Amino acid sequence: MQQISASRKKPTGIDVFWQEGGMKRRDFFSFSELIELRINVADLLDNPSLYLIDGENHRVVATD
């Protein structure tokens, strides 16, 4: 899992960004996906570095 470095609100969800293998990566999560993952959308937007992404399994989790 990689630490999310930035997030950006889109009309139907959130783009999240992270560094992996020296490259900037991006994935999109719809609002309903984030709700299912029990992710606080406002917090993800305000504090993206408090979250990790598993790009292979399309998951976001909060750090403890």
PDB file of N, CA and C in Angstrom:
ATOM      1  N   MET A   1       0.847  -1.182   0.000  1.00  0.00           N
ATOM      2  CA  MET A   1       0.000   0.000   0.000  1.00  0.00           C
ATOM      3  C   MET A   1       0.889   1.240   0.000  1.00  0.00           C
ATOM      4  N   GLN A   2       0.410   2.234  -0.693  1.00  0.00           N
ATOM      5  CA  GLN A   2       1.152   3.483  -0.839  1.00  0.00           C
ATOM      6  C   GLN A   2       0.386   4.622  -0.168  1.00  0.00           C
ATOM      7  N   GLN A   3       1.130   5.601   0.329  1.00  0.00           N
ATOM      8  CA  GLN A   3       0.496   6.769   0.944  1.00  0.00           C
ATOM      9  C   GLN A   3      -0.044   7.677  -0.154  1.00  0.00           C
ATOM     10  N   ILE A   4      -1.275   8.132   0.013  1.00  0.00           N
ATOM     11  CA  ILE A   4      -1.889   9.061  -0.936  1.00  0.00           C
ATOM     12  C   ILE A   4      -1.257  10.433  -0.727  1.00  0.00           C
ATOM     13  N   SER A   5      -0.843  11.054  -1.815  1.00  0.00           N
ATOM     14  CA  SER A   5      -0.178  12.355  -1.712  1.00  0.00           C
ATOM     15  C   SER A   5      -1.113  13.524  -1.996  1.00  0.00           C
ATOM     16  N   ALA A   6      -2.190  13.270  -2.743  1.00  0.00           N
ATOM     17  CA  ALA A   6      -3.122  14.348  -3.070  1.00  0.00           C
ATOM     18  C   ALA A   6      -4.460  13.739  -3.467  1.00  0.00           C
ATOM     19  N   SER A   7      -5.491  14.567  -3.383  1.00  0.00           N
ATOM     20  CA  SER A   7      -6.821  14.144  -3.819  1.00  0.00           C
ATOM     21  C   SER A   7      -7.522  15.339  -4.440  1.00  0.00           C
ATOM     22  N   ARG A   8      -8.433  15.053  -5.370  1.00  0.00           N
ATOM     23  CA  ARG A   8      -9.141  16.129  -6.063  1.00  0.00           C
ATOM     24  C   ARG A   8     -10.582  15.705  -6.282  1.00  0.00           C
ATOM     25  N   LYS A   9     -11.498  16.601  -5.920  1.00  0.00           N
ATOM     26  CA  LYS A   9     -12.926  16.310  -6.071  1.00  0.00           C
ATOM     27  C   LYS A   9     -13.344  16.452  -7.529  1.00  0.00           C
ATOM     28  N   LYS A  10     -14.117  15.492  -7.983  1.00  0.00           N
ATOM     29  CA  LYS A  10     -14.720  15.494  -9.313  1.00  0.00           C
ATOM     30  C   LYS A  10     -16.240  15.469  -9.118  1.00  0.00           C
ATOM     31  N   PRO A  11     -17.024  15.711 -10.144  1.00  0.00           N
ATOM     32  CA  PRO A  11     -18.485  15.721  -9.971  1.00  0.00           C
ATOM     33  C   PRO A  11     -19.073  14.424  -9.406  1.00  0.00           C
ATOM     34  N   THR A  12     -18.468  13.281  -9.703  1.00  0.00           N
ATOM     35  CA  THR A  12     -19.050  12.010  -9.258  1.00  0.00           C
ATOM     36  C   THR A  12     -18.164  11.226  -8.304  1.00  0.00           C
ATOM     37  N   GLY A  13     -17.050  11.841  -7.854  1.00  0.00           N
ATOM     38  CA  GLY A  13     -16.162  11.122  -6.941  1.00  0.00           C
ATOM     39  C   GLY A  13     -14.867  11.861  -6.691  1.00  0.00           C
ATOM     40  N   ILE A  14     -13.829  11.100  -6.368  1.00  0.00           N
ATOM     41  CA  ILE A  14     -12.538  11.671  -5.978  1.00  0.00           C
ATOM     42  C   ILE A  14     -11.419  11.004  -6.765  1.00  0.00           C
ATOM     43  N   ASP A  15     -10.522  11.816  -7.343  1.00  0.00           N
ATOM     44  CA  ASP A  15      -9.273  11.315  -7.896  1.00  0.00           C
ATOM     45  C   ASP A  15      -8.254  11.303  -6.765  1.00  0.00           C
ATOM     46  N   VAL A  16      -7.520  10.218  -6.613  1.00  0.00           N
ATOM     47  CA  VAL A  16      -6.440  10.171  -5.619  1.00  0.00           C
ATOM     48  C   VAL A  16      -5.124   9.949  -6.355  1.00  0.00           C
ATOM     49  N   PHE A  17      -4.058  10.527  -5.815  1.00  0.00           N
ATOM     50  CA  PHE A  17      -2.748  10.489  -6.434  1.00  0.00           C
ATOM     51  C   PHE A  17      -1.727   9.966  -5.435  1.00  0.00           C
ATOM     52  N   TRP A  18      -0.747   9.207  -5.944  1.00  0.00           N
ATOM     53  CA  TRP A  18       0.331   8.693  -5.113  1.00  0.00           C
ATOM     54  C   TRP A  18       1.547   8.435  -5.990  1.00  0.00           C
ATOM     55  N   GLN A  19       2.701   8.259  -5.353  1.00  0.00           N
ATOM     56  CA  GLN A  19       3.944   7.929  -6.036  1.00  0.00           C
ATOM     57  C   GLN A  19       4.183   6.427  -5.929  1.00  0.00           C
ATOM     58  N   GLU A  20       4.553   5.819  -7.030  1.00  0.00           N
ATOM     59  CA  GLU A  20       4.865   4.393  -7.023  1.00  0.00           C
ATOM     60  C   GLU A  20       5.915   4.130  -8.096  1.00  0.00           C
ATOM     61  N   GLY A  21       7.044   3.556  -7.679  1.00  0.00           N
ATOM     62  CA  GLY A  21       8.104   3.260  -8.635  1.00  0.00           C
ATOM     63  C   GLY A  21       8.622   4.490  -9.347  1.00  0.00           C
ATOM     64  N   GLY A  22       8.657   5.624  -8.647  1.00  0.00           N
ATOM     65  CA  GLY A  22       9.147   6.866  -9.235  1.00  0.00           C
ATOM     66  C   GLY A  22       8.176   7.541 -10.185  1.00  0.00           C
ATOM     67  N   MET A  23       6.964   7.014 -10.281  1.00  0.00           N
ATOM     68  CA  MET A  23       5.966   7.599 -11.170  1.00  0.00           C
ATOM     69  C   MET A  23       4.752   8.058 -10.370  1.00  0.00           C
ATOM     70  N   LYS A  24       4.159   9.161 -10.824  1.00  0.00           N
ATOM     71  CA  LYS A  24       2.921   9.633 -10.213  1.00  0.00           C
ATOM     72  C   LYS A  24       1.771   8.805 -10.771  1.00  0.00           C
ATOM     73  N   ARG A  25       0.965   8.246  -9.887  1.00  0.00           N
ATOM     74  CA  ARG A  25      -0.161   7.391 -10.276  1.00  0.00           C
ATOM     75  C   ARG A  25      -1.470   8.049  -9.843  1.00  0.00           C
ATOM     76  N   ARG A  26      -2.570   7.647 -10.506  1.00  0.00           N
ATOM     77  CA  ARG A  26      -3.890   8.208 -10.202  1.00  0.00           C
ATOM     78  C   ARG A  26      -4.925   7.103 -10.298  1.00  0.00           C
ATOM     79  N   ASP A  27      -5.937   7.198  -9.438  1.00  0.00           N
ATOM     80  CA  ASP A  27      -7.087   6.300  -9.511  1.00  0.00           C
ATOM     81  C   ASP A  27      -8.318   7.102  -9.119  1.00  0.00           C
ATOM     82  N   PHE A  28      -9.459   6.706  -9.632  1.00  0.00           N
ATOM     83  CA  PHE A  28     -10.719   7.387  -9.347  1.00  0.00           C
ATOM     84  C   PHE A  28     -11.602   6.483  -8.504  1.00  0.00           C
ATOM     85  N   PHE A  29     -12.224   7.085  -7.487  1.00  0.00           N
ATOM     86  CA  PHE A  29     -13.187   6.382  -6.636  1.00  0.00           C
ATOM     87  C   PHE A  29     -14.487   7.178  -6.636  1.00  0.00           C
ATOM     88  N   SER A  30     -15.590   6.502  -6.946  1.00  0.00           N
ATOM     89  CA  SER A  30     -16.887   7.173  -6.889  1.00  0.00           C
ATOM     90  C   SER A  30     -17.255   7.401  -5.422  1.00  0.00           C
ATOM     91  N   PHE A  31     -18.168   8.314  -5.195  1.00  0.00           N
ATOM     92  CA  PHE A  31     -18.613   8.571  -3.825  1.00  0.00           C
ATOM     93  C   PHE A  31     -19.196   7.306  -3.200  1.00  0.00           C
ATOM     94  N   SER A  32     -19.956   6.545  -3.979  1.00  0.00           N
ATOM     95  CA  SER A  32     -20.550   5.320  -3.420  1.00  0.00           C
ATOM     96  C   SER A  32     -19.469   4.294  -3.057  1.00  0.00           C
ATOM     97  N   GLU A  33     -18.403   4.191  -3.841  1.00  0.00           N
ATOM     98  CA  GLU A  33     -17.304   3.283  -3.496  1.00  0.00           C
ATOM     99  C   GLU A  33     -16.659   3.699  -2.177  1.00  0.00           C
ATOM    100  N   LEU A  34     -16.428   4.995  -2.008  1.00  0.00           N
ATOM    101  CA  LEU A  34     -15.799   5.480  -0.781  1.00  0.00           C
ATOM    102  C   LEU A  34     -16.694   5.251   0.431  1.00  0.00           C
ATOM    103  N   ILE A  35     -17.989   5.406   0.259  1.00  0.00           N
ATOM    104  CA  ILE A  35     -18.927   5.140   1.359  1.00  0.00           C
ATOM    105  C   ILE A  35     -18.885   3.657   1.727  1.00  0.00           C
ATOM    106  N   GLU A  36     -18.850   2.786   0.726  1.00  0.00           N
ATOM    107  CA  GLU A  36     -18.753   1.344   0.991  1.00  0.00           C
ATOM    108  C   GLU A  36     -17.457   0.994   1.723  1.00  0.00           C
ATOM    109  N   LEU A  37     -16.378   1.720   1.409  1.00  0.00           N
ATOM    110  CA  LEU A  37     -15.087   1.493   2.068  1.00  0.00           C
ATOM    111  C   LEU A  37     -15.000   2.191   3.429  1.00  0.00           C
ATOM    112  N   ARG A  38     -16.077   2.884   3.799  1.00  0.00           N
ATOM    113  CA  ARG A  38     -16.151   3.637   5.057  1.00  0.00           C
ATOM    114  C   ARG A  38     -15.078   4.730   5.152  1.00  0.00           C
ATOM    115  N   ILE A  39     -14.890   5.432   4.037  1.00  0.00           N
ATOM    116  CA  ILE A  39     -13.930   6.526   3.963  1.00  0.00           C
ATOM    117  C   ILE A  39     -14.683   7.845   4.082  1.00  0.00           C
ATOM    118  N   ASN A  40     -14.210   8.714   4.950  1.00  0.00           N
ATOM    119  CA  ASN A  40     -14.779  10.046   5.114  1.00  0.00           C
ATOM    120  C   ASN A  40     -14.274  10.905   3.953  1.00  0.00           C
ATOM    121  N   VAL A  41     -15.160  11.232   3.025  1.00  0.00           N
ATOM    122  CA  VAL A  41     -14.778  11.943   1.808  1.00  0.00           C
ATOM    123  C   VAL A  41     -14.159  13.303   2.124  1.00  0.00           C
ATOM    124  N   ALA A  42     -14.766  14.055   3.025  1.00  0.00           N
ATOM    125  CA  ALA A  42     -14.240  15.379   3.366  1.00  0.00           C
ATOM    126  C   ALA A  42     -12.829  15.267   3.952  1.00  0.00           C
ATOM    127  N   ASP A  43     -12.604  14.260   4.786  1.00  0.00           N
ATOM    128  CA  ASP A  43     -11.282  14.075   5.370  1.00  0.00           C
ATOM    129  C   ASP A  43     -10.267  13.652   4.310  1.00  0.00           C
ATOM    130  N   LEU A  44     -10.679  12.795   3.391  1.00  0.00           N
ATOM    131  CA  LEU A  44      -9.792  12.382   2.300  1.00  0.00           C
ATOM    132  C   LEU A  44      -9.370  13.591   1.468  1.00  0.00           C
ATOM    133  N   LEU A  45     -10.284  14.522   1.259  1.00  0.00           N
ATOM    134  CA  LEU A  45      -9.948  15.730   0.503  1.00  0.00           C
ATOM    135  C   LEU A  45      -9.047  16.672   1.307  1.00  0.00           C
ATOM    136  N   ASP A  46      -9.322  16.821   2.593  1.00  0.00           N
ATOM    137  CA  ASP A  46      -8.555  17.743   3.436  1.00  0.00           C
ATOM    138  C   ASP A  46      -7.218  17.173   3.905  1.00  0.00           C
ATOM    139  N   ASN A  47      -7.153  15.858   4.115  1.00  0.00           N
ATOM    140  CA  ASN A  47      -5.963  15.216   4.683  1.00  0.00           C
ATOM    141  C   ASN A  47      -5.601  13.940   3.926  1.00  0.00           C
ATOM    142  N   PRO A  48      -5.286  14.040   2.650  1.00  0.00           N
ATOM    143  CA  PRO A  48      -5.044  12.822   1.861  1.00  0.00           C
ATOM    144  C   PRO A  48      -3.874  11.983   2.377  1.00  0.00           C
ATOM    145  N   SER A  49      -2.897  12.606   3.021  1.00  0.00           N
ATOM    146  CA  SER A  49      -1.729  11.854   3.497  1.00  0.00           C
ATOM    147  C   SER A  49      -2.062  10.918   4.659  1.00  0.00           C
ATOM    148  N   LEU A  50      -3.267  11.021   5.205  1.00  0.00           N
ATOM    149  CA  LEU A  50      -3.687  10.121   6.283  1.00  0.00           C
ATOM    150  C   LEU A  50      -4.299   8.829   5.741  1.00  0.00           C
ATOM    151  N   TYR A  51      -4.230   8.646   4.420  1.00  0.00           N
ATOM    152  CA  TYR A  51      -4.842   7.475   3.781  1.00  0.00           C
ATOM    153  C   TYR A  51      -3.824   6.729   2.921  1.00  0.00           C
ATOM    154  N   LEU A  52      -4.047   5.435   2.795  1.00  0.00           N
ATOM    155  CA  LEU A  52      -3.217   4.573   1.956  1.00  0.00           C
ATOM    156  C   LEU A  52      -4.075   4.019   0.831  1.00  0.00           C
ATOM    157  N   ILE A  53      -3.434   3.729  -0.297  1.00  0.00           N
ATOM    158  CA  ILE A  53      -4.146   3.127  -1.421  1.00  0.00           C
ATOM    159  C   ILE A  53      -3.509   1.788  -1.785  1.00  0.00           C
ATOM    160  N   ASP A  54      -4.355   0.852  -2.079  1.00  0.00           N
ATOM    161  CA  ASP A  54      -3.950  -0.424  -2.634  1.00  0.00           C
ATOM    162  C   ASP A  54      -4.433  -0.396  -4.081  1.00  0.00           C
ATOM    163  N   GLY A  55      -3.568   0.041  -4.973  1.00  0.00           N
ATOM    164  CA  GLY A  55      -3.940   0.221  -6.369  1.00  0.00           C
ATOM    165  C   GLY A  55      -4.335  -1.058  -7.073  1.00  0.00           C
ATOM    166  N   GLU A  56      -3.704  -2.170  -6.711  1.00  0.00           N
ATOM    167  CA  GLU A  56      -4.017  -3.446  -7.356  1.00  0.00           C
ATOM    168  C   GLU A  56      -5.421  -3.918  -7.031  1.00  0.00           C
ATOM    169  N   ASN A  57      -5.878  -3.650  -5.801  1.00  0.00           N
ATOM    170  CA  ASN A  57      -7.200  -4.101  -5.370  1.00  0.00           C
ATOM    171  C   ASN A  57      -8.236  -2.986  -5.309  1.00  0.00           C
ATOM    172  N   HIS A  58      -7.863  -1.784  -5.792  1.00  0.00           N
ATOM    173  CA  HIS A  58      -8.768  -0.632  -5.834  1.00  0.00           C
ATOM    174  C   HIS A  58      -9.406  -0.401  -4.461  1.00  0.00           C
ATOM    175  N   ARG A  59      -8.543  -0.143  -3.460  1.00  0.00           N
ATOM    176  CA  ARG A  59      -9.010   0.096  -2.094  1.00  0.00           C
ATOM    177  C   ARG A  59      -8.273   1.292  -1.494  1.00  0.00           C
ATOM    178  N   VAL A  60      -8.978   2.029  -0.660  1.00  0.00           N
ATOM    179  CA  VAL A  60      -8.388   3.097   0.149  1.00  0.00           C
ATOM    180  C   VAL A  60      -8.665   2.748   1.594  1.00  0.00           C
ATOM    181  N   VAL A  61      -7.660   2.946   2.453  1.00  0.00           N
ATOM    182  CA  VAL A  61      -7.838   2.726   3.880  1.00  0.00           C
ATOM    183  C   VAL A  61      -7.205   3.876   4.651  1.00  0.00           C
ATOM    184  N   ALA A  62      -7.767   4.167   5.826  1.00  0.00           N
ATOM    185  CA  ALA A  62      -7.204   5.190   6.694  1.00  0.00           C
ATOM    186  C   ALA A  62      -6.024   4.609   7.450  1.00  0.00           C
ATOM    187  N   THR A  63      -4.998   5.429   7.671  1.00  0.00           N
ATOM    188  CA  THR A  63      -3.878   4.989   8.493  1.00  0.00           C
ATOM    189  C   THR A  63      -4.318   5.045   9.941  1.00  0.00           C
ATOM    190  N   ASP A  64      -3.715   4.226  10.774  1.00  0.00           N
ATOM    191  CA  ASP A  64      -4.102   4.200  12.191  1.00  0.00           C
ATOM    192  C   ASP A  64      -3.404   5.243  12.998  1.00  0.00           C
TER     193      ASP A  64
END
